[in-house]
Amino acid sequence: SARSDDAHAALVQLLSELRADQEDLVDVREQQLSLRDSYDDLLRWLAEPGRLPGDSVQAALDEVAFLNRTVYPRRGTWRALTSSDQLTWVTDRGLVTRLANFYESTNARLEYGGRDYDFNVNEVTRGTAARAWDSYRRRSSVAGSDHLPELREQLRYLRLSWNEYYVDLLEDYGGELEALIRDLEAYLAGGTA
């Protein structure tokens, strides 16, 4: 039927979006792993504030502030599927349940984690880092030496509580995403809805 064909086409589009999310996930995970080095370098340098390598500190702070990518999965096709009732034409009810759980729970957890991570990075880089570090002169600010220990602790917090957590979250998400892609591919290969 036409409705079944429409549902099949929507699921093909959904699969395409999931694969694009998978590519984004790989890129962001690699970048987060690279950011670990910047965090670790900053923590090491800030442990000896009298010997800060200005250009290197600035480059690492810039990476933390501007290259902290997070994943925000695509939801357009999912929203279209749910708003148009096309999911009722999918014959595998277990697949529908897995899709719903993925989009309403798994994606939400990743989005919330990314949003909170972004917020915390902005708080540290626009707040304490701006008070502690003179980015133009590439050295601690006049009053910065008072804020350098605080900056180091906040960067340590970002590294351990957010970067580490987010990489683990990406790992978990990637496993669930891969399993869902396989399930959807198998369903579509069966030639139904």
C-alpha atoms as a PDB file:
ATOM      1  CA  SER A   1       0.000   0.000   0.000  1.00  0.00           C
ATOM      2  CA  ALA A   2       0.994   3.649  -0.358  1.00  0.00           C
ATOM      3  CA  ARG A   3       1.131   4.089   3.428  1.00  0.00           C
ATOM      4  CA  SER A   4       3.436   1.109   3.787  1.00  0.00           C
ATOM      5  CA  ASP A   5       5.672   2.502   1.016  1.00  0.00           C
ATOM      6  CA  ASP A   6       5.759   5.890   2.773  1.00  0.00           C
ATOM      7  CA  ALA A   7       6.736   4.235   6.055  1.00  0.00           C
ATOM      8  CA  HIS A   8       9.470   2.255   4.295  1.00  0.00           C
ATOM      9  CA  ALA A   9      10.848   5.430   2.673  1.00  0.00           C
ATOM     10  CA  ALA A  10      10.802   7.216   6.038  1.00  0.00           C
ATOM     11  CA  LEU A  11      12.700   4.353   7.676  1.00  0.00           C
ATOM     12  CA  VAL A  12      15.307   4.489   4.891  1.00  0.00           C
ATOM     13  CA  GLN A  13      15.686   8.217   5.621  1.00  0.00           C
ATOM     14  CA  LEU A  14      15.875   7.505   9.342  1.00  0.00           C
ATOM     15  CA  LEU A  15      18.647   4.987   8.715  1.00  0.00           C
ATOM     16  CA  SER A  16      20.529   7.605   6.714  1.00  0.00           C
ATOM     17  CA  GLU A  17      20.295  10.064   9.622  1.00  0.00           C
ATOM     18  CA  LEU A  18      21.470   7.421  12.103  1.00  0.00           C
ATOM     19  CA  ARG A  19      24.506   6.700   9.940  1.00  0.00           C
ATOM     20  CA  ALA A  20      25.285  10.437   9.744  1.00  0.00           C
ATOM     21  CA  ASP A  21      25.017  10.615  13.548  1.00  0.00           C
ATOM     22  CA  GLN A  22      27.421   7.670  13.731  1.00  0.00           C
ATOM     23  CA  GLU A  23      29.971   9.587  11.628  1.00  0.00           C
ATOM     24  CA  ASP A  24      29.581  12.655  13.857  1.00  0.00           C
ATOM     25  CA  LEU A  25      30.047  10.467  16.902  1.00  0.00           C
ATOM     26  CA  VAL A  26      33.393   9.149  15.637  1.00  0.00           C
ATOM     27  CA  ASP A  27      34.654  12.690  14.926  1.00  0.00           C
ATOM     28  CA  VAL A  28      33.538  14.105  18.277  1.00  0.00           C
ATOM     29  CA  ARG A  29      34.957  11.146  20.212  1.00  0.00           C
ATOM     30  CA  GLU A  30      38.355  11.613  18.539  1.00  0.00           C
ATOM     31  CA  GLN A  31      38.267  15.306  19.353  1.00  0.00           C
ATOM     32  CA  GLN A  32      37.331  14.657  22.987  1.00  0.00           C
ATOM     33  CA  LEU A  33      40.230  12.215  23.292  1.00  0.00           C
ATOM     34  CA  SER A  34      42.523  14.879  21.831  1.00  0.00           C
ATOM     35  CA  LEU A  35      41.188  17.437  24.324  1.00  0.00           C
ATOM     36  CA  ARG A  36      42.376  15.161  27.128  1.00  0.00           C
ATOM     37  CA  ASP A  37      45.936  16.064  26.147  1.00  0.00           C
ATOM     38  CA  SER A  38      45.118  19.786  26.345  1.00  0.00           C
ATOM     39  CA  TYR A  39      43.534  19.364  29.773  1.00  0.00           C
ATOM     40  CA  ASP A  40      46.472  17.288  31.004  1.00  0.00           C
ATOM     41  CA  ASP A  41      48.998  19.820  29.665  1.00  0.00           C
ATOM     42  CA  LEU A  42      47.160  22.706  31.341  1.00  0.00           C
ATOM     43  CA  LEU A  43      47.005  20.863  34.637  1.00  0.00           C
ATOM     44  CA  ARG A  44      50.731  20.124  34.487  1.00  0.00           C
ATOM     45  CA  TRP A  45      51.662  23.712  33.556  1.00  0.00           C
ATOM     46  CA  LEU A  46      49.361  25.301  36.140  1.00  0.00           C
ATOM     47  CA  ALA A  47      50.960  23.174  38.851  1.00  0.00           C
ATOM     48  CA  GLU A  48      54.089  25.343  38.335  1.00  0.00           C
ATOM     49  CA  PRO A  49      52.675  28.857  37.785  1.00  0.00           C
ATOM     50  CA  GLY A  50      56.112  30.480  37.822  1.00  0.00           C
ATOM     51  CA  ARG A  51      57.104  28.649  34.629  1.00  0.00           C
ATOM     52  CA  LEU A  52      54.003  28.888  32.444  1.00  0.00           C
ATOM     53  CA  PRO A  53      54.729  28.517  28.696  1.00  0.00           C
ATOM     54  CA  GLY A  54      52.496  31.390  27.542  1.00  0.00           C
ATOM     55  CA  ASP A  55      51.866  30.429  23.916  1.00  0.00           C
ATOM     56  CA  SER A  56      51.250  26.798  24.822  1.00  0.00           C
ATOM     57  CA  VAL A  57      48.870  27.680  27.666  1.00  0.00           C
ATOM     58  CA  GLN A  58      46.940  30.001  25.361  1.00  0.00           C
ATOM     59  CA  ALA A  59      46.702  27.376  22.609  1.00  0.00           C
ATOM     60  CA  ALA A  60      45.448  24.748  25.062  1.00  0.00           C
ATOM     61  CA  LEU A  61      42.912  27.144  26.614  1.00  0.00           C
ATOM     62  CA  ASP A  62      41.680  28.005  23.110  1.00  0.00           C
ATOM     63  CA  GLU A  63      41.242  24.311  22.326  1.00  0.00           C
ATOM     64  CA  VAL A  64      39.240  23.740  25.498  1.00  0.00           C
ATOM     65  CA  ALA A  65      37.123  26.849  24.918  1.00  0.00           C
ATOM     66  CA  PHE A  66      36.496  26.604  21.175  1.00  0.00           C
ATOM     67  CA  LEU A  67      36.978  22.976  20.121  1.00  0.00           C
ATOM     68  CA  ASN A  68      34.803  21.234  22.682  1.00  0.00           C
ATOM     69  CA  ARG A  69      32.384  19.634  20.229  1.00  0.00           C
ATOM     70  CA  THR A  70      29.456  17.629  21.502  1.00  0.00           C
ATOM     71  CA  VAL A  71      26.899  15.504  19.633  1.00  0.00           C
ATOM     72  CA  TYR A  72      23.322  16.617  19.024  1.00  0.00           C
ATOM     73  CA  PRO A  73      21.656  13.769  17.109  1.00  0.00           C
ATOM     74  CA  ARG A  74      19.324  14.450  14.208  1.00  0.00           C
ATOM     75  CA  ARG A  75      15.636  14.071  15.014  1.00  0.00           C
ATOM     76  CA  GLY A  76      13.844  15.379  11.921  1.00  0.00           C
ATOM     77  CA  THR A  77      12.780  12.082  10.412  1.00  0.00           C
ATOM     78  CA  TRP A  78      11.869  10.649  13.819  1.00  0.00           C
ATOM     79  CA  ARG A  79       9.591  13.629  14.477  1.00  0.00           C
ATOM     80  CA  ALA A  80       8.013  13.225  11.048  1.00  0.00           C
ATOM     81  CA  LEU A  81       7.446   9.514  11.670  1.00  0.00           C
ATOM     82  CA  THR A  82       5.775  10.102  15.024  1.00  0.00           C
ATOM     83  CA  SER A  83       3.673  13.077  13.980  1.00  0.00           C
ATOM     84  CA  SER A  84       2.364  11.358  10.832  1.00  0.00           C
ATOM     85  CA  ASP A  85       1.527   8.036  12.510  1.00  0.00           C
ATOM     86  CA  GLN A  86       3.760   6.195  10.013  1.00  0.00           C
ATOM     87  CA  LEU A  87       5.142   4.056  12.829  1.00  0.00           C
ATOM     88  CA  THR A  88       1.798   2.245  12.940  1.00  0.00           C
ATOM     89  CA  TRP A  89       2.696   0.759   9.553  1.00  0.00           C
ATOM     90  CA  VAL A  90       5.919  -0.785  10.841  1.00  0.00           C
ATOM     91  CA  THR A  91       5.125  -4.459  11.400  1.00  0.00           C
ATOM     92  CA  ASP A  92       7.926  -5.175  13.902  1.00  0.00           C
ATOM     93  CA  ARG A  93       6.536  -3.697  17.137  1.00  0.00           C
ATOM     94  CA  GLY A  94       9.770  -4.531  18.953  1.00  0.00           C
ATOM     95  CA  LEU A  95      11.677  -2.347  16.497  1.00  0.00           C
ATOM     96  CA  VAL A  96       9.214   0.489  17.089  1.00  0.00           C
ATOM     97  CA  THR A  97       9.786   0.177  20.840  1.00  0.00           C
ATOM     98  CA  ARG A  98      13.592   0.166  20.392  1.00  0.00           C
ATOM     99  CA  LEU A  99      13.369   3.235  18.145  1.00  0.00           C
ATOM    100  CA  ALA A 100      11.167   5.067  20.641  1.00  0.00           C
ATOM    101  CA  ASN A 101      13.487   4.222  23.540  1.00  0.00           C
ATOM    102  CA  PHE A 102      16.505   5.328  21.539  1.00  0.00           C
ATOM    103  CA  TYR A 103      15.027   8.661  20.478  1.00  0.00           C
ATOM    104  CA  GLU A 104      13.205   9.510  23.676  1.00  0.00           C
ATOM    105  CA  SER A 105      15.727   8.227  26.224  1.00  0.00           C
ATOM    106  CA  THR A 106      19.173   7.471  24.782  1.00  0.00           C
ATOM    107  CA  ASN A 107      19.330  10.575  22.577  1.00  0.00           C
ATOM    108  CA  ALA A 108      17.975  12.749  25.368  1.00  0.00           C
ATOM    109  CA  ARG A 109      20.688  11.515  27.756  1.00  0.00           C
ATOM    110  CA  LEU A 110      23.384  12.354  25.196  1.00  0.00           C
ATOM    111  CA  GLU A 111      21.884  15.789  24.475  1.00  0.00           C
ATOM    112  CA  TYR A 112      21.607  16.668  28.175  1.00  0.00           C
ATOM    113  CA  GLY A 113      25.162  15.488  28.812  1.00  0.00           C
ATOM    114  CA  GLY A 114      26.479  17.566  25.911  1.00  0.00           C
ATOM    115  CA  ARG A 115      24.515  20.632  26.953  1.00  0.00           C
ATOM    116  CA  ASP A 116      25.778  20.415  30.544  1.00  0.00           C
ATOM    117  CA  TYR A 117      29.347  19.820  29.374  1.00  0.00           C
ATOM    118  CA  ASP A 118      29.158  22.848  27.047  1.00  0.00           C
ATOM    119  CA  PHE A 119      27.734  24.977  29.856  1.00  0.00           C
ATOM    120  CA  ASN A 120      30.509  24.013  32.277  1.00  0.00           C
ATOM    121  CA  VAL A 121      33.249  24.648  29.707  1.00  0.00           C
ATOM    122  CA  ASN A 122      31.789  28.101  29.031  1.00  0.00           C
ATOM    123  CA  GLU A 123      31.578  28.870  32.742  1.00  0.00           C
ATOM    124  CA  VAL A 124      35.253  28.031  33.278  1.00  0.00           C
ATOM    125  CA  THR A 125      36.683  29.571  30.113  1.00  0.00           C
ATOM    126  CA  ARG A 126      34.650  32.782  30.288  1.00  0.00           C
ATOM    127  CA  GLY A 127      34.831  33.100  34.055  1.00  0.00           C
ATOM    128  CA  THR A 128      37.861  31.891  35.960  1.00  0.00           C
ATOM    129  CA  ALA A 129      40.141  31.600  32.924  1.00  0.00           C
ATOM    130  CA  ALA A 130      39.350  35.171  31.919  1.00  0.00           C
ATOM    131  CA  ARG A 131      40.211  36.376  35.446  1.00  0.00           C
ATOM    132  CA  ALA A 132      43.382  34.289  35.713  1.00  0.00           C
ATOM    133  CA  TRP A 133      44.845  34.548  32.234  1.00  0.00           C
ATOM    134  CA  ASP A 134      45.636  37.539  30.011  1.00  0.00           C
ATOM    135  CA  SER A 135      45.078  36.096  26.539  1.00  0.00           C
ATOM    136  CA  TYR A 136      46.637  39.128  24.795  1.00  0.00           C
ATOM    137  CA  ARG A 137      49.894  39.041  26.731  1.00  0.00           C
ATOM    138  CA  ARG A 138      49.787  35.237  27.015  1.00  0.00           C
ATOM    139  CA  ARG A 139      50.553  35.225  30.711  1.00  0.00           C
ATOM    140  CA  SER A 140      48.677  35.310  33.978  1.00  0.00           C
ATOM    141  CA  SER A 141      46.810  38.547  34.501  1.00  0.00           C
ATOM    142  CA  VAL A 142      47.885  41.105  37.083  1.00  0.00           C
ATOM    143  CA  ALA A 143      45.554  39.579  39.659  1.00  0.00           C
ATOM    144  CA  GLY A 144      45.703  36.194  37.930  1.00  0.00           C
ATOM    145  CA  SER A 145      48.092  34.492  40.297  1.00  0.00           C
ATOM    146  CA  ASP A 146      45.280  34.512  42.878  1.00  0.00           C
ATOM    147  CA  HIS A 147      43.003  32.748  40.375  1.00  0.00           C
ATOM    148  CA  LEU A 148      45.456  30.234  38.878  1.00  0.00           C
ATOM    149  CA  PRO A 149      44.872  27.557  41.580  1.00  0.00           C
ATOM    150  CA  GLU A 150      41.115  27.971  41.104  1.00  0.00           C
ATOM    151  CA  LEU A 151      41.532  27.673  37.327  1.00  0.00           C
ATOM    152  CA  ARG A 152      43.594  24.523  37.750  1.00  0.00           C
ATOM    153  CA  GLU A 153      40.933  22.939  39.981  1.00  0.00           C
ATOM    154  CA  GLN A 154      38.145  23.844  37.585  1.00  0.00           C
ATOM    155  CA  LEU A 155      40.078  22.448  34.611  1.00  0.00           C
ATOM    156  CA  ARG A 156      40.709  19.290  36.619  1.00  0.00           C
ATOM    157  CA  TYR A 157      36.962  19.098  37.247  1.00  0.00           C
ATOM    158  CA  LEU A 158      36.250  19.512  33.520  1.00  0.00           C
ATOM    159  CA  ARG A 159      38.796  16.861  32.625  1.00  0.00           C
ATOM    160  CA  LEU A 160      37.681  14.236  35.129  1.00  0.00           C
ATOM    161  CA  SER A 161      33.997  14.970  35.603  1.00  0.00           C
ATOM    162  CA  TRP A 162      33.088  16.013  32.069  1.00  0.00           C
ATOM    163  CA  ASN A 163      35.634  14.995  29.436  1.00  0.00           C
ATOM    164  CA  GLU A 164      36.044  11.529  30.933  1.00  0.00           C
ATOM    165  CA  TYR A 165      32.308  11.147  31.511  1.00  0.00           C
ATOM    166  CA  TYR A 166      31.424  12.368  28.030  1.00  0.00           C
ATOM    167  CA  VAL A 167      33.832   9.991  26.275  1.00  0.00           C
ATOM    168  CA  ASP A 168      32.246   7.119  28.251  1.00  0.00           C
ATOM    169  CA  LEU A 169      28.779   8.404  27.335  1.00  0.00           C
ATOM    170  CA  LEU A 170      29.804   8.504  23.652  1.00  0.00           C
ATOM    171  CA  GLU A 171      31.041   4.909  23.927  1.00  0.00           C
ATOM    172  CA  ASP A 172      27.735   3.716  25.386  1.00  0.00           C
ATOM    173  CA  TYR A 173      25.736   5.717  22.882  1.00  0.00           C
ATOM    174  CA  GLY A 174      27.824   4.391  19.998  1.00  0.00           C
ATOM    175  CA  GLY A 175      27.112   0.805  21.002  1.00  0.00           C
ATOM    176  CA  GLU A 176      23.365   1.416  21.194  1.00  0.00           C
ATOM    177  CA  LEU A 177      23.420   3.336  17.918  1.00  0.00           C
ATOM    178  CA  GLU A 178      25.289   0.551  16.131  1.00  0.00           C
ATOM    179  CA  ALA A 179      22.832  -2.080  17.387  1.00  0.00           C
ATOM    180  CA  LEU A 180      19.863   0.010  16.277  1.00  0.00           C
ATOM    181  CA  ILE A 181      21.372   0.535  12.827  1.00  0.00           C
ATOM    182  CA  ARG A 182      21.814  -3.235  12.474  1.00  0.00           C
ATOM    183  CA  ASP A 183      18.220  -3.865  13.555  1.00  0.00           C
ATOM    184  CA  LEU A 184      16.880  -1.283  11.130  1.00  0.00           C
ATOM    185  CA  GLU A 185      19.013  -2.606   8.269  1.00  0.00           C
ATOM    186  CA  ALA A 186      17.756  -6.135   8.934  1.00  0.00           C
ATOM    187  CA  TYR A 187      14.154  -4.963   9.028  1.00  0.00           C
ATOM    188  CA  LEU A 188      14.485  -3.006   5.776  1.00  0.00           C
ATOM    189  CA  ALA A 189      16.287  -5.918   4.092  1.00  0.00           C
ATOM    190  CA  GLY A 190      13.257  -8.069   4.925  1.00  0.00           C
ATOM    191  CA  GLY A 191      11.216  -5.903   2.543  1.00  0.00           C
ATOM    192  CA  THR A 192       8.548  -4.973   5.047  1.00  0.00           C
ATOM    193  CA  ALA A 193       7.196  -1.513   5.785  1.00  0.00           C
END
